[in-house]
Amino acid sequence: MRRIRILRRDRSERLRQSVFLAEGIHLCQDALASGAGLERVIYSGRLTDTEEGAALLDKLHKAGTELDETTDAILASMQDARSPQPVLALVRMEPCALPDLLGRSGLPPLIVVAHEIQDPGNLGTILRTADAFGASGLIATGRAADLHHPRTVRSTMGSIFRLPALHSPEIMEVVRWLRDERFLLAAAETGDRTEPGEIDWSRKAALFLGPERGGIPAEARAQMDSGLSIPMEEGVDSLSVGAAAAVILFAARQVRTLAE
């Protein structure tokens, strides 16, 4: 149990052990359905209070997953959620490299680069949005939140098991790799820029998102093919980075769907 508490709060230990935590019935269902490596699942008797929970436990038994039952109080002490869940899984991290982001479907790849998004909830939401609108992968750059922080994982609502994602400290290394791969590079910015629906998202493309104040570094911005802005009512300066990601990626999906 001490190990799980350490994994919950210590990014370096998660990386060293290549394990992260997934809390709740939905995340455990998605982990199991995706074929993720479940090292161990800990649950309390409350899990079988619902048909959904009982069905999950049965599937875990049949899959041969190592299971440990404990009390609600002990299980709650392992979590930082406001509403502690009746089940928690230790999931093995799958290795992910830049080339793994290139092929998700028959469409040209669309990669989201999230630069210095430091709130785990925001980063998880962006990953979930990227998954929902057909992106092929996500790269977190700079001093971004940990992709495997418990709050990031919760916010992805299972997308962490479907969408390839990795962290790369140096944004310019990512820019150079994308340039070498002949990607169109577009960055969300404020001001009078190109609207999201006017970009040719049907080709290999990368969307760069930065913090609401500052955006991506000037050096990276200078390498962009296009700056994007979302038309808004007068008096509204900007959207949150999560909302901007949703609007732009929805527009990208529309362009890509029409091009099929």
Protein backbone atom coordinates (compact mmCIF):
# COMPACT_ATOMS: atom_id res chain seq x y z
CA MET A 1 0.00 0.00 0.00
CA ARG A 2 2.92 2.32 0.70
CA ARG A 3 4.14 1.74 -2.85
CA ILE A 4 0.81 2.95 -4.27
CA ARG A 5 0.86 6.12 -2.19
CA ILE A 6 4.37 6.84 -3.46
CA LEU A 7 3.31 6.21 -7.07
CA ARG A 8 0.38 8.57 -6.61
CA ARG A 9 2.55 11.55 -5.71
CA ASP A 10 6.00 10.84 -7.18
CA ARG A 11 6.50 11.28 -10.93
CA SER A 12 10.05 9.95 -10.82
CA GLU A 13 8.88 6.72 -9.22
CA ARG A 14 6.16 6.27 -11.82
CA LEU A 15 8.81 6.62 -14.52
CA ARG A 16 11.32 4.40 -12.75
CA GLN A 17 8.81 1.62 -12.24
CA SER A 18 6.97 2.27 -15.55
CA VAL A 19 3.66 2.04 -13.71
CA PHE A 20 0.79 4.48 -13.16
CA LEU A 21 -2.54 4.48 -11.36
CA ALA A 22 -6.01 4.32 -12.89
CA GLU A 23 -8.88 4.97 -10.50
CA GLY A 24 -12.50 3.97 -10.92
CA ILE A 25 -14.69 1.50 -12.78
CA HIS A 26 -14.67 3.35 -16.11
CA LEU A 27 -10.88 3.67 -16.31
CA CYS A 28 -10.39 0.04 -15.31
CA GLN A 29 -12.90 -1.04 -17.96
CA ASP A 30 -11.06 0.96 -20.61
CA ALA A 31 -7.68 -0.35 -19.50
CA LEU A 32 -8.94 -3.92 -19.73
CA ALA A 33 -10.66 -3.36 -23.09
CA SER A 34 -7.54 -1.74 -24.58
CA GLY A 35 -5.28 -4.61 -23.58
CA ALA A 36 -3.23 -2.43 -21.25
CA GLY A 37 -0.95 -4.33 -18.93
CA LEU A 38 -2.68 -4.52 -15.56
CA GLU A 39 -0.06 -5.32 -12.97
CA ARG A 40 -2.52 -5.42 -10.09
CA VAL A 41 -6.04 -4.28 -9.19
CA ILE A 42 -7.11 -3.29 -5.67
CA TYR A 43 -10.79 -3.05 -4.81
CA SER A 44 -13.18 -2.82 -1.90
CA GLY A 45 -16.45 -4.67 -1.34
CA ARG A 46 -18.26 -1.56 -2.57
CA LEU A 47 -17.24 -2.49 -6.12
CA THR A 48 -19.95 -5.15 -6.31
CA ASP A 49 -22.70 -2.77 -5.13
CA THR A 50 -23.50 -2.13 -8.80
CA GLU A 51 -23.98 -4.52 -11.71
CA GLU A 52 -21.29 -2.64 -13.64
CA GLY A 53 -18.78 -3.10 -10.85
CA ALA A 54 -19.62 -6.75 -10.38
CA ALA A 55 -19.24 -7.34 -14.12
CA LEU A 56 -15.83 -5.64 -14.08
CA LEU A 57 -14.65 -7.82 -11.21
CA ASP A 58 -15.79 -10.92 -13.08
CA LYS A 59 -13.89 -9.85 -16.22
CA LEU A 60 -10.78 -9.18 -14.18
CA HIS A 61 -11.02 -12.65 -12.62
CA LYS A 62 -11.39 -14.24 -16.05
CA ALA A 63 -8.44 -12.25 -17.41
CA GLY A 64 -6.23 -13.63 -14.66
CA THR A 65 -5.52 -10.21 -13.18
CA GLU A 66 -3.90 -10.14 -9.74
CA LEU A 67 -6.62 -8.90 -7.39
CA ASP A 68 -6.43 -7.62 -3.82
CA GLU A 69 -9.50 -6.78 -1.74
CA THR A 70 -9.21 -4.16 0.97
CA THR A 71 -11.41 -1.84 3.00
CA ASP A 72 -13.00 1.36 1.74
CA ALA A 73 -10.91 3.39 4.18
CA ILE A 74 -7.59 1.95 3.04
CA LEU A 75 -8.51 2.27 -0.63
CA ALA A 76 -9.58 5.90 -0.11
CA SER A 77 -6.21 6.67 1.50
CA MET A 78 -4.50 5.66 -1.75
CA GLN A 79 -6.43 8.19 -3.83
CA ASP A 80 -6.66 11.98 -4.07
CA ALA A 81 -10.06 12.17 -5.75
CA ARG A 82 -12.86 14.03 -3.98
CA SER A 83 -15.02 10.92 -4.31
CA PRO A 84 -12.77 7.89 -3.74
CA GLN A 85 -13.45 5.04 -6.13
CA PRO A 86 -14.06 1.38 -5.22
CA VAL A 87 -11.33 0.11 -7.53
CA LEU A 88 -7.80 1.15 -8.47
CA ALA A 89 -5.47 -0.41 -11.04
CA LEU A 90 -1.72 -0.36 -11.39
CA VAL A 91 -1.15 -0.08 -15.12
CA ARG A 92 2.15 -0.71 -16.89
CA MET A 93 3.33 2.15 -19.11
CA GLU A 94 3.68 1.26 -22.78
CA PRO A 95 6.82 2.60 -24.48
CA CYS A 96 6.00 5.41 -26.89
CA ALA A 97 8.34 7.16 -29.34
CA LEU A 98 7.74 9.91 -31.89
CA PRO A 99 7.24 7.50 -34.84
CA ASP A 100 4.40 5.84 -32.89
CA LEU A 101 2.35 9.02 -33.35
CA LEU A 102 2.28 8.77 -37.12
CA GLY A 103 -0.25 6.04 -37.80
CA ARG A 104 -3.67 5.73 -36.23
CA SER A 105 -5.97 5.43 -39.23
CA GLY A 106 -5.99 5.75 -42.99
CA LEU A 107 -5.93 9.54 -42.70
CA PRO A 108 -2.69 11.55 -42.59
CA PRO A 109 -1.53 11.99 -38.99
CA LEU A 110 -2.71 14.92 -36.89
CA ILE A 111 -0.54 15.54 -33.84
CA VAL A 112 -1.32 17.85 -30.93
CA VAL A 113 1.65 19.51 -29.24
CA ALA A 114 0.69 20.79 -25.78
CA HIS A 115 3.45 23.12 -24.55
CA GLU A 116 3.84 23.76 -20.82
CA ILE A 117 0.25 22.88 -19.93
CA GLN A 118 0.99 22.55 -16.22
CA ASP A 119 -2.42 21.70 -14.83
CA PRO A 120 -2.97 17.91 -14.96
CA GLY A 121 -6.70 18.33 -15.47
CA ASN A 122 -6.19 20.63 -18.46
CA LEU A 123 -3.63 18.31 -20.03
CA GLY A 124 -5.89 15.30 -19.57
CA THR A 125 -8.81 17.16 -21.09
CA ILE A 126 -6.74 18.12 -24.14
CA LEU A 127 -5.66 14.50 -24.58
CA ARG A 128 -9.30 13.38 -24.35
CA THR A 129 -10.33 16.03 -26.88
CA ALA A 130 -7.55 15.01 -29.26
CA ASP A 131 -8.75 11.42 -29.06
CA ALA A 132 -12.38 12.42 -29.61
CA PHE A 133 -11.64 14.39 -32.78
CA GLY A 134 -9.35 11.88 -34.45
CA ALA A 135 -5.83 13.06 -33.66
CA SER A 136 -3.15 10.42 -34.03
CA GLY A 137 -1.11 11.41 -30.99
CA LEU A 138 -0.15 14.04 -28.43
CA ILE A 139 3.21 15.42 -27.36
CA ALA A 140 3.53 17.33 -24.08
CA THR A 141 6.55 19.65 -24.19
CA GLY A 142 8.44 21.84 -21.78
CA ARG A 143 7.44 21.88 -18.13
CA ALA A 144 4.15 20.18 -18.82
CA ALA A 145 2.16 18.23 -16.27
CA ASP A 146 2.88 14.53 -16.06
CA LEU A 147 0.82 12.55 -18.56
CA HIS A 148 0.50 9.80 -15.93
CA HIS A 149 -0.38 11.98 -12.95
CA PRO A 150 -3.55 10.53 -11.37
CA ARG A 151 -5.52 13.70 -12.17
CA THR A 152 -4.31 13.70 -15.77
CA VAL A 153 -5.31 10.07 -16.15
CA ARG A 154 -8.75 10.72 -14.62
CA SER A 155 -9.34 13.70 -16.91
CA THR A 156 -8.62 11.65 -20.03
CA MET A 157 -11.66 9.47 -19.25
CA GLY A 158 -9.88 6.47 -20.79
CA SER A 159 -8.25 8.20 -23.76
CA ILE A 160 -4.84 7.61 -22.13
CA PHE A 161 -5.28 3.96 -23.17
CA ARG A 162 -6.15 4.75 -26.78
CA LEU A 163 -4.15 7.76 -27.93
CA PRO A 164 -0.35 7.52 -28.15
CA ALA A 165 1.19 10.26 -26.03
CA LEU A 166 4.64 11.18 -24.79
CA HIS A 167 6.61 13.94 -23.13
CA SER A 168 9.48 15.73 -24.88
CA PRO A 169 11.21 18.45 -22.82
CA GLU A 170 12.49 20.44 -25.80
CA ILE A 171 9.82 21.91 -28.04
CA MET A 172 12.36 22.76 -30.75
CA GLU A 173 13.36 19.11 -31.06
CA VAL A 174 9.69 18.34 -31.75
CA VAL A 175 9.48 21.20 -34.27
CA ARG A 176 12.55 19.91 -36.13
CA TRP A 177 11.21 16.34 -36.18
CA LEU A 178 7.86 17.49 -37.55
CA ARG A 179 9.62 19.61 -40.18
CA ASP A 180 11.70 16.60 -41.23
CA GLU A 181 8.46 14.61 -41.53
CA ARG A 182 6.96 17.38 -43.72
CA PHE A 183 4.14 18.35 -41.38
CA LEU A 184 2.15 21.54 -41.68
CA LEU A 185 2.67 23.41 -38.39
CA ALA A 186 -0.10 25.58 -36.94
CA ALA A 187 -0.25 27.34 -33.57
CA ALA A 188 -3.22 28.68 -31.65
CA GLU A 189 -2.67 32.40 -31.05
CA THR A 190 -4.58 35.52 -30.15
CA GLY A 191 -5.18 38.34 -32.60
CA ASP A 192 -6.23 38.45 -36.23
CA ARG A 193 -5.02 35.11 -37.60
CA THR A 194 -6.26 32.34 -39.87
CA GLU A 195 -9.49 30.68 -38.77
CA PRO A 196 -9.26 26.96 -37.90
CA GLY A 197 -11.51 25.84 -40.74
CA GLU A 198 -9.28 27.53 -43.33
CA ILE A 199 -6.30 25.24 -42.70
CA ASP A 200 -5.68 22.19 -44.88
CA TRP A 201 -5.96 19.62 -42.11
CA SER A 202 -6.27 16.85 -44.72
CA ARG A 203 -2.46 16.69 -44.97
CA LYS A 204 -0.01 15.77 -42.23
CA ALA A 205 -0.46 18.50 -39.64
CA ALA A 206 0.46 19.45 -36.09
CA LEU A 207 -1.49 21.78 -33.80
CA PHE A 208 0.58 23.65 -31.21
CA LEU A 209 -1.13 24.81 -28.04
CA GLY A 210 0.50 26.88 -25.30
CA PRO A 211 -0.46 28.45 -21.98
CA GLU A 212 -3.18 31.08 -22.14
CA ARG A 213 -0.61 33.73 -21.33
CA GLY A 214 2.42 33.56 -23.56
CA GLY A 215 1.60 30.70 -25.89
CA ILE A 216 4.50 28.83 -27.42
CA PRO A 217 8.06 30.30 -27.41
CA ALA A 218 9.00 32.85 -30.07
CA GLU A 219 11.61 30.49 -31.52
CA ALA A 220 8.97 27.84 -32.14
CA ARG A 221 6.40 30.38 -33.31
CA ALA A 222 8.81 31.52 -36.02
CA GLN A 223 8.73 28.01 -37.49
CA MET A 224 4.94 27.83 -37.80
CA ASP A 225 3.27 27.76 -41.20
CA SER A 226 0.18 29.40 -39.76
CA GLY A 227 -1.17 31.11 -36.67
CA LEU A 228 -4.76 30.27 -35.76
CA SER A 229 -7.37 32.38 -34.04
CA ILE A 230 -10.98 31.59 -33.16
CA PRO A 231 -13.57 34.23 -34.11
CA MET A 232 -15.27 35.54 -30.95
CA GLU A 233 -17.62 38.27 -29.88
CA GLU A 234 -16.15 41.70 -29.24
CA GLY A 235 -14.82 42.07 -25.71
CA VAL A 236 -13.80 38.43 -25.31
CA ASP A 237 -10.03 38.17 -25.42
CA SER A 238 -9.48 34.44 -25.41
CA LEU A 239 -10.72 30.97 -24.52
CA SER A 240 -9.17 28.54 -22.09
CA VAL A 241 -6.60 26.29 -23.74
CA GLY A 242 -8.94 23.31 -23.35
CA ALA A 243 -11.82 25.12 -25.03
CA ALA A 244 -9.56 26.37 -27.82
CA ALA A 245 -8.31 22.83 -28.41
CA ALA A 246 -11.88 21.58 -28.74
CA VAL A 247 -12.92 24.28 -31.22
CA ILE A 248 -9.83 23.89 -33.42
CA LEU A 249 -9.82 20.09 -33.39
CA PHE A 250 -13.54 20.00 -34.22
CA ALA A 251 -12.86 22.23 -37.25
CA ALA A 252 -9.92 20.00 -38.21
CA ARG A 253 -12.12 16.92 -38.03
CA GLN A 254 -14.69 18.53 -40.34
CA VAL A 255 -12.00 19.34 -42.92
CA ARG A 256 -10.51 15.85 -42.68
CA THR A 257 -13.91 14.16 -42.97
CA LEU A 258 -14.78 16.12 -46.12
CA ALA A 259 -11.43 15.16 -47.63
CA GLU A 260 -11.99 11.41 -47.19
